[in-house]
Protein backbone atom coordinates (compact mmCIF):
# COMPACT_ATOMS: atom_id res chain seq x y z
CA UNK A 1 34.75 -23.52 -22.98
CA UNK A 2 37.62 -22.51 -25.25
CA UNK A 3 38.28 -23.00 -28.95
CA UNK A 4 39.44 -26.61 -29.41
CA UNK A 5 42.07 -25.52 -31.94
CA UNK A 6 43.77 -22.45 -30.43
CA UNK A 7 42.23 -22.25 -26.93
CA UNK A 8 40.91 -18.66 -27.36
CA UNK A 9 37.40 -17.65 -26.30
CA UNK A 10 34.75 -18.85 -28.79
CA UNK A 11 32.75 -16.47 -30.97
CA UNK A 12 29.00 -17.13 -31.24
CA UNK A 13 29.06 -17.15 -35.05
CA UNK A 14 31.68 -19.93 -35.18
CA UNK A 15 30.89 -21.72 -31.91
CA UNK A 16 32.67 -23.73 -30.54
CA UNK A 17 35.51 -22.12 -32.49
CA UNK A 18 36.88 -18.59 -32.24
CA UNK A 19 37.09 -17.94 -35.99
CA UNK A 20 36.38 -19.31 -39.44
CA UNK A 21 40.06 -20.25 -39.68
CA UNK A 22 39.88 -22.54 -36.64
CA UNK A 23 36.60 -24.05 -37.90
CA UNK A 24 38.27 -24.75 -41.26
CA UNK A 25 41.34 -26.28 -39.57
CA UNK A 26 39.03 -28.65 -37.67
CA UNK A 27 37.10 -29.58 -40.82
CA UNK A 28 40.36 -30.23 -42.66
CA UNK A 29 41.49 -32.58 -39.90
CA UNK A 30 38.27 -34.59 -40.21
CA UNK A 31 38.53 -34.71 -44.01
CA UNK A 32 42.15 -35.90 -44.04
CA UNK A 33 41.55 -38.56 -41.41
CA UNK A 34 43.54 -36.89 -38.65
CA UNK A 35 40.46 -37.36 -36.50
CA UNK A 36 38.70 -40.69 -36.52
CA UNK A 37 36.07 -42.40 -34.45
CA UNK A 38 37.40 -45.81 -33.45
CA UNK A 39 35.35 -48.78 -34.61
CA UNK A 40 35.93 -52.44 -33.91
CA UNK A 41 35.04 -55.15 -36.40
CA UNK A 42 32.27 -56.27 -34.04
CA UNK A 43 30.72 -52.79 -34.21
CA UNK A 44 30.95 -52.60 -37.99
CA UNK A 45 29.48 -56.03 -38.69
CA UNK A 46 26.93 -57.01 -36.08
CA UNK A 47 24.47 -59.86 -36.44
CA UNK A 48 21.82 -57.30 -37.34
CA UNK A 49 23.88 -56.06 -40.26
CA UNK A 50 22.28 -56.74 -43.67
CA UNK A 51 25.69 -57.38 -45.27
CA UNK A 52 27.36 -60.76 -44.97
CA UNK A 53 30.76 -59.73 -46.33
CA UNK A 54 32.86 -56.71 -45.41
CA UNK A 55 32.76 -53.93 -48.00
CA UNK A 56 36.52 -54.13 -48.53
CA UNK A 57 36.21 -57.65 -49.96
CA UNK A 58 35.06 -57.98 -53.54
CA UNK A 59 33.30 -61.07 -54.87
CA UNK A 60 35.25 -62.97 -57.53
């Protein structure tokens, strides 16, 4: 396995990254939304969901 950011060999302390810098780059990408886990509306609001209305809608 190689570092997912720069492709160097990983270091045990920062695994799977090679350095704190690469770990921080990855964290920054998650925090800014560069990485996202795709979700469909069906996944977000299943029949088992306790909420009837999507969170982005506000009651009047």
